[in-house]
Amino acid sequence: MALLFAKNNSLSAVTELPASVSGGVLNLISTQTASSSATIDFTSGIDSTYKSYIFKFYDIHPATDDTSFEFNGSSDGGSNYNVTKTTTFFNAYHNEAGSSTNLGYGAGSDLAQSTSFQRIIAGVGNGNDESGVATLHLFSPSSTTFVKHFMSVSQRLSQTYSVNDYVAGYFNTTSVINAIQFKFASGNVDSGLIKLYGVT
């Protein structure tokens, strides 16, 4: 096998990868902007085109203080968001004063064979400068053989705390997952941007 080398030492000069190097390309499918929205639903674009999908969340801001941003899946194109799931949840936090830190499991934020909505970002504040950001990765939603795994990592400002939440789990179904809904546990999504990507 021949080895390929860059012609100079600058990564910025690399304009093309060898044909044998592939994967990891994000293809933007759709964008939704919240504006006092009760829910944000993605009812198209999640199909067998890609093996995995990534949602990216930018400055998700609630109308109600200290409420959690959540999601659920649908196997009927968005008529119902009630797919059974089992999940894990843990987080780390640190306050601005440097006086309070923790890394722990969030037993109240996980699910065990539940159709409830799963928290992605727990306890987002509604102060003018408070918001949350996150990435949610959904794997093989069109498989009719396996359950549908997902993972999320988020960061939020809540009062004076920097909080990093980690979620993972699976939709316990072999039916396709073809729609996803996002909402706050209480009140509207005052503002924010969500982008859906397919991963090649």
N, C-alpha and C. Protein backbone atom coordinates (compact mmCIF):
# COMPACT_ATOMS: atom_id res chain seq x y z
N MET A 1 0.83 -1.18 0.00
CA MET A 1 0.00 0.00 0.00
C MET A 1 0.88 1.24 0.00
N ALA A 2 0.59 2.17 -0.89
CA ALA A 2 1.38 3.39 -0.99
C ALA A 2 1.01 4.36 0.12
N LEU A 3 1.99 5.06 0.66
CA LEU A 3 1.77 6.08 1.66
C LEU A 3 1.68 7.44 0.99
N LEU A 4 0.70 8.27 1.42
CA LEU A 4 0.53 9.60 0.86
C LEU A 4 0.99 10.63 1.87
N PHE A 5 1.71 11.65 1.41
CA PHE A 5 2.24 12.69 2.27
C PHE A 5 1.80 14.06 1.78
N ALA A 6 1.56 14.99 2.72
CA ALA A 6 1.29 16.37 2.34
C ALA A 6 2.55 16.96 1.72
N LYS A 7 2.38 17.89 0.78
CA LYS A 7 3.52 18.47 0.07
C LYS A 7 4.29 19.47 0.93
N ASN A 8 3.63 20.01 1.98
CA ASN A 8 4.34 20.90 2.88
C ASN A 8 3.87 20.65 4.30
N ASN A 9 4.37 21.42 5.25
CA ASN A 9 4.07 21.17 6.66
C ASN A 9 2.82 21.89 7.16
N SER A 10 2.09 22.57 6.31
CA SER A 10 0.94 23.35 6.75
C SER A 10 -0.36 22.60 6.51
N LEU A 11 -1.14 22.37 7.57
CA LEU A 11 -2.43 21.71 7.42
C LEU A 11 -3.38 22.55 6.58
N SER A 12 -3.22 23.87 6.63
CA SER A 12 -4.10 24.73 5.85
C SER A 12 -3.89 24.54 4.36
N ALA A 13 -2.77 23.95 3.97
CA ALA A 13 -2.50 23.73 2.55
C ALA A 13 -3.13 22.45 2.03
N VAL A 14 -3.69 21.61 2.94
CA VAL A 14 -4.32 20.36 2.52
C VAL A 14 -5.72 20.70 1.98
N THR A 15 -5.93 20.48 0.70
CA THR A 15 -7.21 20.82 0.07
C THR A 15 -8.05 19.61 -0.25
N GLU A 16 -7.48 18.41 -0.16
CA GLU A 16 -8.25 17.21 -0.50
C GLU A 16 -7.66 16.01 0.21
N LEU A 17 -8.52 15.15 0.74
CA LEU A 17 -8.08 13.91 1.37
C LEU A 17 -8.00 12.80 0.34
N PRO A 18 -7.16 11.80 0.56
CA PRO A 18 -7.14 10.66 -0.34
C PRO A 18 -8.50 9.99 -0.40
N ALA A 19 -8.82 9.37 -1.51
CA ALA A 19 -10.14 8.76 -1.72
C ALA A 19 -10.43 7.69 -0.67
N SER A 20 -9.40 7.06 -0.13
CA SER A 20 -9.59 5.99 0.85
C SER A 20 -9.99 6.52 2.22
N VAL A 21 -9.86 7.84 2.45
CA VAL A 21 -10.23 8.44 3.72
C VAL A 21 -11.64 8.99 3.59
N SER A 22 -12.56 8.47 4.39
CA SER A 22 -13.94 8.91 4.29
C SER A 22 -14.60 8.89 5.66
N GLY A 23 -15.84 9.39 5.72
CA GLY A 23 -16.62 9.33 6.96
C GLY A 23 -16.58 10.61 7.75
N GLY A 24 -17.62 10.81 8.57
CA GLY A 24 -17.64 11.92 9.48
C GLY A 24 -18.11 13.24 8.91
N VAL A 25 -18.59 13.25 7.67
CA VAL A 25 -19.05 14.49 7.07
C VAL A 25 -20.47 14.79 7.51
N LEU A 26 -20.70 16.02 7.99
CA LEU A 26 -22.03 16.44 8.41
C LEU A 26 -22.75 17.10 7.24
N ASN A 27 -23.95 16.62 6.95
CA ASN A 27 -24.76 17.17 5.87
C ASN A 27 -26.00 17.81 6.49
N LEU A 28 -26.10 19.14 6.37
CA LEU A 28 -27.22 19.85 6.97
C LEU A 28 -28.51 19.47 6.28
N ILE A 29 -29.50 19.01 7.06
CA ILE A 29 -30.81 18.61 6.54
C ILE A 29 -31.83 19.71 6.74
N SER A 30 -31.90 20.26 7.96
CA SER A 30 -32.88 21.32 8.24
C SER A 30 -32.48 22.12 9.46
N THR A 31 -33.05 23.31 9.56
CA THR A 31 -32.82 24.23 10.67
C THR A 31 -34.15 24.75 11.16
N GLN A 32 -34.33 24.79 12.48
CA GLN A 32 -35.54 25.38 13.05
C GLN A 32 -35.15 26.40 14.11
N THR A 33 -35.85 27.53 14.08
CA THR A 33 -35.61 28.61 15.03
C THR A 33 -36.81 28.74 15.95
N ALA A 34 -36.57 28.68 17.25
CA ALA A 34 -37.65 28.80 18.22
C ALA A 34 -37.98 30.26 18.48
N SER A 35 -39.25 30.55 18.65
CA SER A 35 -39.72 31.88 19.03
C SER A 35 -41.02 31.70 19.79
N SER A 36 -40.91 31.63 21.12
CA SER A 36 -42.06 31.33 21.99
C SER A 36 -42.79 30.08 21.50
N SER A 37 -42.01 29.02 21.24
CA SER A 37 -42.54 27.78 20.67
C SER A 37 -42.86 26.77 21.76
N ALA A 38 -44.07 26.19 21.70
CA ALA A 38 -44.43 25.16 22.66
C ALA A 38 -43.58 23.91 22.45
N THR A 39 -43.39 23.52 21.20
CA THR A 39 -42.54 22.38 20.85
C THR A 39 -41.80 22.70 19.56
N ILE A 40 -40.73 21.96 19.33
CA ILE A 40 -40.02 22.01 18.05
C ILE A 40 -39.96 20.58 17.54
N ASP A 41 -40.61 20.33 16.41
CA ASP A 41 -40.76 18.98 15.88
C ASP A 41 -39.98 18.82 14.57
N PHE A 42 -39.24 17.73 14.49
CA PHE A 42 -38.59 17.34 13.24
C PHE A 42 -39.32 16.10 12.72
N THR A 43 -40.19 16.30 11.74
CA THR A 43 -41.04 15.23 11.22
C THR A 43 -40.64 14.77 9.83
N SER A 44 -39.56 15.33 9.30
CA SER A 44 -39.03 14.89 8.01
C SER A 44 -37.52 14.92 8.06
N GLY A 45 -36.89 14.17 7.18
CA GLY A 45 -35.43 14.15 7.11
C GLY A 45 -34.77 13.06 7.92
N ILE A 46 -35.52 12.38 8.79
CA ILE A 46 -34.96 11.27 9.56
C ILE A 46 -35.45 9.98 8.91
N ASP A 47 -34.59 9.35 8.13
CA ASP A 47 -34.99 8.18 7.36
C ASP A 47 -33.77 7.29 7.13
N SER A 48 -33.81 6.46 6.12
CA SER A 48 -32.71 5.51 5.87
C SER A 48 -31.57 6.12 5.05
N THR A 49 -31.64 7.42 4.77
CA THR A 49 -30.58 8.06 3.98
C THR A 49 -29.24 7.97 4.69
N TYR A 50 -29.24 8.17 6.00
CA TYR A 50 -28.01 8.16 6.80
C TYR A 50 -28.11 7.13 7.92
N LYS A 51 -26.96 6.62 8.32
CA LYS A 51 -26.91 5.68 9.44
C LYS A 51 -27.02 6.37 10.78
N SER A 52 -26.62 7.64 10.84
CA SER A 52 -26.74 8.37 12.09
C SER A 52 -27.07 9.83 11.82
N TYR A 53 -27.67 10.47 12.82
CA TYR A 53 -28.11 11.85 12.73
C TYR A 53 -27.64 12.61 13.95
N ILE A 54 -27.32 13.88 13.76
CA ILE A 54 -26.87 14.73 14.86
C ILE A 54 -27.72 15.98 14.90
N PHE A 55 -28.25 16.28 16.09
CA PHE A 55 -28.92 17.55 16.35
C PHE A 55 -27.94 18.44 17.11
N LYS A 56 -27.85 19.70 16.70
CA LYS A 56 -27.04 20.68 17.42
C LYS A 56 -27.96 21.81 17.89
N PHE A 57 -27.80 22.18 19.16
CA PHE A 57 -28.67 23.15 19.81
C PHE A 57 -27.84 24.38 20.20
N TYR A 58 -28.32 25.55 19.78
CA TYR A 58 -27.61 26.80 20.02
C TYR A 58 -28.47 27.74 20.87
N ASP A 59 -27.93 28.12 22.03
CA ASP A 59 -28.57 29.11 22.91
C ASP A 59 -30.06 28.84 23.12
N ILE A 60 -30.36 27.66 23.61
CA ILE A 60 -31.74 27.29 23.93
C ILE A 60 -32.14 27.99 25.23
N HIS A 61 -33.17 28.83 25.13
CA HIS A 61 -33.54 29.73 26.23
C HIS A 61 -35.01 29.54 26.57
N PRO A 62 -35.32 29.23 27.85
CA PRO A 62 -36.71 28.98 28.23
C PRO A 62 -37.45 30.24 28.64
N ALA A 63 -38.77 30.21 28.50
CA ALA A 63 -39.61 31.28 29.03
C ALA A 63 -39.75 31.15 30.53
N THR A 64 -39.72 29.91 31.04
CA THR A 64 -39.89 29.60 32.46
C THR A 64 -38.53 29.34 33.10
N ASP A 65 -38.30 29.82 34.28
CA ASP A 65 -37.01 29.65 34.95
C ASP A 65 -36.82 28.23 35.45
N ASP A 66 -35.57 27.76 35.39
CA ASP A 66 -35.15 26.49 35.99
C ASP A 66 -36.01 25.32 35.50
N THR A 67 -36.09 25.17 34.18
CA THR A 67 -36.85 24.06 33.60
C THR A 67 -35.96 23.27 32.65
N SER A 68 -36.30 22.01 32.44
CA SER A 68 -35.45 21.12 31.67
C SER A 68 -35.88 21.01 30.21
N PHE A 69 -34.90 21.00 29.33
CA PHE A 69 -35.13 20.82 27.89
C PHE A 69 -35.12 19.32 27.61
N GLU A 70 -36.15 18.82 26.91
CA GLU A 70 -36.38 17.38 26.79
C GLU A 70 -36.65 16.97 25.35
N PHE A 71 -36.61 15.65 25.12
CA PHE A 71 -36.96 15.14 23.79
C PHE A 71 -37.65 13.78 23.91
N ASN A 72 -38.35 13.43 22.83
CA ASN A 72 -38.95 12.11 22.71
C ASN A 72 -38.99 11.75 21.23
N GLY A 73 -39.15 10.46 20.96
CA GLY A 73 -39.17 9.98 19.58
C GLY A 73 -40.55 9.50 19.17
N SER A 74 -40.73 9.39 17.86
CA SER A 74 -41.98 8.91 17.28
C SER A 74 -41.67 7.87 16.23
N SER A 75 -42.52 6.84 16.17
CA SER A 75 -42.41 5.83 15.11
C SER A 75 -43.55 5.93 14.12
N ASP A 76 -44.37 7.00 14.25
CA ASP A 76 -45.50 7.17 13.33
C ASP A 76 -45.51 8.55 12.69
N GLY A 77 -44.30 9.07 12.44
CA GLY A 77 -44.18 10.33 11.73
C GLY A 77 -44.56 11.56 12.52
N GLY A 78 -44.68 11.44 13.83
CA GLY A 78 -44.97 12.59 14.67
C GLY A 78 -46.39 12.66 15.18
N SER A 79 -47.20 11.65 14.91
CA SER A 79 -48.56 11.64 15.47
C SER A 79 -48.52 11.44 16.98
N ASN A 80 -47.55 10.65 17.45
CA ASN A 80 -47.37 10.40 18.88
C ASN A 80 -45.88 10.41 19.21
N TYR A 81 -45.55 11.01 20.35
CA TYR A 81 -44.17 11.00 20.84
C TYR A 81 -44.17 10.26 22.18
N ASN A 82 -44.03 8.95 22.10
CA ASN A 82 -44.19 8.13 23.30
C ASN A 82 -43.44 6.81 23.20
N VAL A 83 -42.25 6.84 22.61
CA VAL A 83 -41.48 5.61 22.44
C VAL A 83 -40.83 5.21 23.77
N THR A 84 -40.89 3.95 24.12
CA THR A 84 -40.30 3.44 25.36
C THR A 84 -38.78 3.56 25.29
N LYS A 85 -38.18 4.03 26.39
CA LYS A 85 -36.73 4.21 26.41
C LYS A 85 -36.16 3.93 27.80
N THR A 86 -34.89 3.54 27.81
CA THR A 86 -34.13 3.38 29.05
C THR A 86 -32.85 4.20 28.91
N THR A 87 -32.51 4.99 29.94
CA THR A 87 -31.44 5.97 29.81
C THR A 87 -30.58 6.07 31.07
N THR A 88 -29.47 6.74 30.92
CA THR A 88 -28.60 7.12 32.04
C THR A 88 -28.39 8.63 31.99
N PHE A 89 -28.03 9.21 33.14
CA PHE A 89 -27.83 10.66 33.21
C PHE A 89 -26.82 10.97 34.31
N PHE A 90 -25.77 11.74 33.97
CA PHE A 90 -24.89 12.26 35.02
C PHE A 90 -24.41 13.65 34.62
N ASN A 91 -23.93 14.40 35.60
CA ASN A 91 -23.43 15.73 35.27
C ASN A 91 -22.32 16.17 36.21
N ALA A 92 -21.67 17.24 35.77
CA ALA A 92 -20.65 17.91 36.57
C ALA A 92 -21.02 19.38 36.65
N TYR A 93 -20.74 20.03 37.81
CA TYR A 93 -21.00 21.46 37.89
C TYR A 93 -19.93 22.16 38.72
N HIS A 94 -19.87 23.48 38.52
CA HIS A 94 -18.91 24.33 39.22
C HIS A 94 -19.49 25.74 39.24
N ASN A 95 -19.49 26.40 40.40
CA ASN A 95 -20.07 27.74 40.43
C ASN A 95 -19.02 28.82 40.22
N GLU A 96 -19.50 30.04 39.95
CA GLU A 96 -18.60 31.15 39.64
C GLU A 96 -17.71 31.51 40.81
N ALA A 97 -18.17 31.28 42.03
CA ALA A 97 -17.36 31.60 43.21
C ALA A 97 -16.27 30.57 43.47
N GLY A 98 -16.34 29.44 42.76
CA GLY A 98 -15.35 28.39 42.97
C GLY A 98 -15.55 27.65 44.28
N SER A 99 -16.72 27.78 44.88
CA SER A 99 -16.96 27.20 46.21
C SER A 99 -17.81 25.93 46.18
N SER A 100 -18.34 25.56 45.00
CA SER A 100 -19.23 24.40 44.94
C SER A 100 -18.98 23.63 43.65
N THR A 101 -18.62 22.35 43.81
CA THR A 101 -18.36 21.49 42.65
C THR A 101 -18.97 20.12 42.90
N ASN A 102 -19.25 19.40 41.82
CA ASN A 102 -19.77 18.05 41.98
C ASN A 102 -19.69 17.30 40.65
N LEU A 103 -19.54 16.00 40.74
CA LEU A 103 -19.68 15.08 39.62
C LEU A 103 -20.50 13.91 40.13
N GLY A 104 -21.70 13.70 39.54
CA GLY A 104 -22.53 12.65 40.09
C GLY A 104 -23.60 12.16 39.15
N TYR A 105 -24.18 11.03 39.52
CA TYR A 105 -25.26 10.44 38.75
C TYR A 105 -26.58 11.12 39.10
N GLY A 106 -27.39 11.42 38.07
CA GLY A 106 -28.67 12.07 38.29
C GLY A 106 -29.81 11.08 38.25
N ALA A 107 -30.08 10.42 39.36
CA ALA A 107 -31.09 9.36 39.40
C ALA A 107 -32.48 9.88 39.05
N GLY A 108 -32.74 11.16 39.31
CA GLY A 108 -34.05 11.71 39.00
C GLY A 108 -34.22 12.11 37.55
N SER A 109 -33.16 11.99 36.76
CA SER A 109 -33.21 12.41 35.36
C SER A 109 -33.08 11.26 34.38
N ASP A 110 -32.97 10.02 34.89
CA ASP A 110 -32.89 8.86 34.00
C ASP A 110 -34.27 8.23 33.85
N LEU A 111 -34.40 7.31 32.91
CA LEU A 111 -35.66 6.62 32.65
C LEU A 111 -35.42 5.11 32.59
N ALA A 112 -36.41 4.34 33.03
CA ALA A 112 -36.33 2.88 32.96
C ALA A 112 -37.61 2.37 32.31
N GLN A 113 -37.52 2.00 31.05
CA GLN A 113 -38.68 1.50 30.30
C GLN A 113 -39.86 2.46 30.40
N SER A 114 -39.57 3.72 30.09
CA SER A 114 -40.57 4.77 30.22
C SER A 114 -40.84 5.42 28.87
N THR A 115 -42.07 5.87 28.68
CA THR A 115 -42.44 6.61 27.48
C THR A 115 -42.35 8.12 27.70
N SER A 116 -41.91 8.54 28.88
CA SER A 116 -41.79 9.96 29.19
C SER A 116 -40.70 10.61 28.35
N PHE A 117 -40.72 11.95 28.32
CA PHE A 117 -39.66 12.70 27.65
C PHE A 117 -38.37 12.60 28.46
N GLN A 118 -37.24 12.55 27.73
CA GLN A 118 -35.93 12.46 28.37
C GLN A 118 -35.28 13.84 28.42
N ARG A 119 -34.77 14.21 29.60
CA ARG A 119 -34.03 15.46 29.73
C ARG A 119 -32.74 15.42 28.92
N ILE A 120 -32.48 16.52 28.24
CA ILE A 120 -31.18 16.72 27.59
C ILE A 120 -30.37 17.75 28.37
N ILE A 121 -31.04 18.87 28.68
CA ILE A 121 -30.41 19.95 29.45
C ILE A 121 -31.31 20.19 30.67
N ALA A 122 -30.81 19.88 31.85
CA ALA A 122 -31.64 19.97 33.06
C ALA A 122 -31.51 21.34 33.71
N GLY A 123 -32.65 21.95 34.03
CA GLY A 123 -32.65 23.16 34.85
C GLY A 123 -32.05 24.38 34.20
N VAL A 124 -32.52 24.75 33.01
CA VAL A 124 -32.00 25.95 32.33
C VAL A 124 -32.67 27.18 32.93
N GLY A 125 -31.88 28.20 33.22
CA GLY A 125 -32.43 29.44 33.75
C GLY A 125 -32.97 30.34 32.66
N ASN A 126 -33.89 31.24 33.02
CA ASN A 126 -34.48 32.13 32.02
C ASN A 126 -33.99 33.57 32.15
N GLY A 127 -32.88 33.78 32.89
CA GLY A 127 -32.27 35.11 32.93
C GLY A 127 -31.83 35.54 31.54
N ASN A 128 -31.68 36.84 31.35
CA ASN A 128 -31.35 37.36 30.01
C ASN A 128 -30.07 36.76 29.43
N ASP A 129 -29.13 36.38 30.30
CA ASP A 129 -27.87 35.83 29.79
C ASP A 129 -27.77 34.31 29.96
N GLU A 130 -28.87 33.65 30.33
CA GLU A 130 -28.83 32.21 30.57
C GLU A 130 -29.37 31.44 29.37
N SER A 131 -28.70 30.34 29.04
CA SER A 131 -29.14 29.47 27.94
C SER A 131 -28.41 28.14 28.06
N GLY A 132 -28.77 27.22 27.17
CA GLY A 132 -28.09 25.94 27.12
C GLY A 132 -27.71 25.60 25.69
N VAL A 133 -26.65 24.83 25.54
CA VAL A 133 -26.22 24.32 24.23
C VAL A 133 -26.04 22.81 24.36
N ALA A 134 -26.17 22.09 23.24
CA ALA A 134 -26.07 20.63 23.32
C ALA A 134 -25.85 20.02 21.95
N THR A 135 -25.47 18.76 21.98
CA THR A 135 -25.40 17.91 20.79
C THR A 135 -26.07 16.58 21.14
N LEU A 136 -26.98 16.13 20.27
CA LEU A 136 -27.65 14.84 20.44
C LEU A 136 -27.38 13.99 19.22
N HIS A 137 -26.86 12.79 19.44
CA HIS A 137 -26.48 11.86 18.36
C HIS A 137 -27.45 10.67 18.38
N LEU A 138 -28.16 10.46 17.28
CA LEU A 138 -29.11 9.35 17.13
C LEU A 138 -28.56 8.36 16.11
N PHE A 139 -28.50 7.08 16.50
CA PHE A 139 -27.87 6.07 15.66
C PHE A 139 -28.90 5.13 15.02
N SER A 140 -28.75 4.88 13.73
CA SER A 140 -29.54 3.89 12.97
C SER A 140 -31.03 3.96 13.26
N PRO A 141 -31.66 5.12 13.10
CA PRO A 141 -33.09 5.23 13.44
C PRO A 141 -34.00 4.42 12.52
N SER A 142 -33.51 4.03 11.34
CA SER A 142 -34.36 3.29 10.40
C SER A 142 -34.18 1.78 10.50
N SER A 143 -33.36 1.33 11.43
CA SER A 143 -33.17 -0.12 11.60
C SER A 143 -34.47 -0.77 12.06
N THR A 144 -34.79 -1.90 11.49
CA THR A 144 -35.93 -2.69 11.96
C THR A 144 -35.45 -3.97 12.65
N THR A 145 -34.15 -4.00 12.97
CA THR A 145 -33.54 -5.14 13.66
C THR A 145 -33.15 -4.81 15.09
N PHE A 146 -32.57 -3.62 15.29
CA PHE A 146 -31.99 -3.27 16.58
C PHE A 146 -32.75 -2.13 17.26
N VAL A 147 -32.53 -1.99 18.58
CA VAL A 147 -33.02 -0.81 19.30
C VAL A 147 -32.24 0.40 18.79
N LYS A 148 -32.71 1.62 19.11
CA LYS A 148 -32.11 2.85 18.58
C LYS A 148 -31.36 3.59 19.69
N HIS A 149 -30.04 3.58 19.61
CA HIS A 149 -29.21 4.21 20.63
C HIS A 149 -29.08 5.72 20.39
N PHE A 150 -28.88 6.46 21.47
CA PHE A 150 -28.61 7.89 21.37
C PHE A 150 -27.71 8.33 22.51
N MET A 151 -27.00 9.44 22.29
CA MET A 151 -26.12 10.03 23.29
C MET A 151 -26.21 11.54 23.17
N SER A 152 -26.11 12.23 24.31
CA SER A 152 -26.17 13.68 24.31
C SER A 152 -25.19 14.24 25.32
N VAL A 153 -24.61 15.39 24.98
CA VAL A 153 -23.81 16.15 25.93
C VAL A 153 -24.25 17.60 25.84
N SER A 154 -24.40 18.26 26.98
CA SER A 154 -24.87 19.64 26.99
C SER A 154 -24.11 20.47 28.00
N GLN A 155 -24.22 21.77 27.84
CA GLN A 155 -23.62 22.74 28.76
C GLN A 155 -24.65 23.85 28.98
N ARG A 156 -24.82 24.27 30.22
CA ARG A 156 -25.77 25.34 30.49
C ARG A 156 -25.24 26.28 31.57
N LEU A 157 -25.73 27.50 31.53
CA LEU A 157 -25.56 28.44 32.64
C LEU A 157 -26.87 28.44 33.40
N SER A 158 -26.80 28.13 34.68
CA SER A 158 -27.99 28.15 35.53
C SER A 158 -27.64 28.94 36.78
N GLN A 159 -28.20 30.14 36.90
CA GLN A 159 -27.85 31.08 37.96
C GLN A 159 -26.36 31.37 37.87
N THR A 160 -25.55 30.90 38.82
CA THR A 160 -24.11 31.16 38.73
C THR A 160 -23.33 29.87 38.51
N TYR A 161 -23.99 28.83 38.00
CA TYR A 161 -23.35 27.53 37.84
C TYR A 161 -23.12 27.18 36.38
N SER A 162 -21.94 26.66 36.10
CA SER A 162 -21.67 26.01 34.82
C SER A 162 -21.96 24.53 35.02
N VAL A 163 -22.90 23.99 34.22
CA VAL A 163 -23.33 22.60 34.41
C VAL A 163 -23.21 21.84 33.09
N ASN A 164 -22.57 20.70 33.14
CA ASN A 164 -22.31 19.84 31.99
C ASN A 164 -23.08 18.53 32.18
N ASP A 165 -24.12 18.31 31.34
CA ASP A 165 -24.97 17.12 31.46
C ASP A 165 -24.61 16.09 30.39
N TYR A 166 -24.65 14.81 30.78
CA TYR A 166 -24.38 13.69 29.86
C TYR A 166 -25.55 12.71 29.92
N VAL A 167 -26.09 12.39 28.77
CA VAL A 167 -27.24 11.48 28.67
C VAL A 167 -26.92 10.41 27.64
N ALA A 168 -27.33 9.18 27.90
CA ALA A 168 -27.23 8.11 26.91
C ALA A 168 -28.35 7.11 27.16
N GLY A 169 -28.74 6.43 26.11
CA GLY A 169 -29.80 5.44 26.27
C GLY A 169 -30.23 4.87 24.95
N TYR A 170 -31.40 4.24 24.95
CA TYR A 170 -31.91 3.66 23.72
C TYR A 170 -33.43 3.68 23.71
N PHE A 171 -33.98 3.90 22.50
CA PHE A 171 -35.40 3.67 22.27
C PHE A 171 -35.57 2.16 22.16
N ASN A 172 -36.36 1.57 23.04
CA ASN A 172 -36.48 0.12 23.08
C ASN A 172 -37.56 -0.36 22.11
N THR A 173 -37.23 -0.22 20.84
CA THR A 173 -38.14 -0.65 19.78
C THR A 173 -37.34 -1.04 18.55
N THR A 174 -37.87 -1.99 17.79
CA THR A 174 -37.28 -2.32 16.50
C THR A 174 -38.04 -1.63 15.37
N SER A 175 -39.04 -0.84 15.71
CA SER A 175 -39.71 0.00 14.71
C SER A 175 -38.81 1.18 14.38
N VAL A 176 -39.00 1.77 13.22
CA VAL A 176 -38.21 2.93 12.83
C VAL A 176 -38.55 4.11 13.75
N ILE A 177 -37.58 4.97 13.99
CA ILE A 177 -37.81 6.27 14.62
C ILE A 177 -37.70 7.30 13.50
N ASN A 178 -38.82 7.99 13.20
CA ASN A 178 -38.82 8.88 12.04
C ASN A 178 -39.23 10.31 12.37
N ALA A 179 -39.36 10.64 13.65
CA ALA A 179 -39.64 12.01 14.06
C ALA A 179 -39.17 12.20 15.50
N ILE A 180 -38.72 13.43 15.81
CA ILE A 180 -38.24 13.77 17.15
C ILE A 180 -38.87 15.10 17.55
N GLN A 181 -39.33 15.17 18.81
CA GLN A 181 -39.88 16.42 19.34
C GLN A 181 -39.05 16.91 20.52
N PHE A 182 -38.84 18.23 20.55
CA PHE A 182 -38.12 18.89 21.64
C PHE A 182 -39.04 19.90 22.31
N LYS A 183 -38.91 20.04 23.64
CA LYS A 183 -39.72 21.01 24.37
C LYS A 183 -39.10 21.20 25.75
N PHE A 184 -39.56 22.24 26.44
CA PHE A 184 -39.22 22.39 27.84
C PHE A 184 -40.27 21.70 28.69
N ALA A 185 -39.88 21.22 29.86
CA ALA A 185 -40.81 20.54 30.75
C ALA A 185 -41.92 21.48 31.20
N SER A 186 -41.62 22.77 31.24
CA SER A 186 -42.61 23.77 31.62
C SER A 186 -42.41 25.01 30.77
N GLY A 187 -43.48 25.53 30.18
CA GLY A 187 -43.39 26.76 29.40
C GLY A 187 -42.82 26.56 28.01
N ASN A 188 -42.73 27.66 27.29
CA ASN A 188 -42.29 27.63 25.89
C ASN A 188 -40.77 27.68 25.75
N VAL A 189 -40.32 27.33 24.55
CA VAL A 189 -38.94 27.59 24.14
C VAL A 189 -38.93 29.04 23.66
N ASP A 190 -38.41 29.94 24.48
CA ASP A 190 -38.47 31.36 24.18
C ASP A 190 -37.65 31.70 22.93
N SER A 191 -36.47 31.11 22.83
CA SER A 191 -35.61 31.33 21.66
C SER A 191 -34.58 30.22 21.58
N GLY A 192 -33.93 30.14 20.44
CA GLY A 192 -32.90 29.12 20.23
C GLY A 192 -32.92 28.60 18.81
N LEU A 193 -31.88 27.90 18.46
CA LEU A 193 -31.70 27.37 17.11
C LEU A 193 -31.35 25.89 17.20
N ILE A 194 -32.00 25.06 16.36
CA ILE A 194 -31.68 23.63 16.30
C ILE A 194 -31.40 23.26 14.86
N LYS A 195 -30.28 22.59 14.64
CA LYS A 195 -29.91 22.13 13.31
C LYS A 195 -29.85 20.60 13.30
N LEU A 196 -30.38 19.99 12.25
CA LEU A 196 -30.35 18.54 12.07
C LEU A 196 -29.38 18.20 10.94
N TYR A 197 -28.43 17.29 11.24
CA TYR A 197 -27.45 16.86 10.25
C TYR A 197 -27.53 15.34 10.05
N GLY A 198 -27.29 14.91 8.84
CA GLY A 198 -27.05 13.50 8.56
C GLY A 198 -25.55 13.28 8.48
N VAL A 199 -25.09 12.13 8.97
CA VAL A 199 -23.65 11.85 9.02
C VAL A 199 -23.31 10.78 8.00
N THR A 200 -22.41 11.10 7.08
CA THR A 200 -21.97 10.12 6.09
C THR A 200 -20.71 9.42 6.56
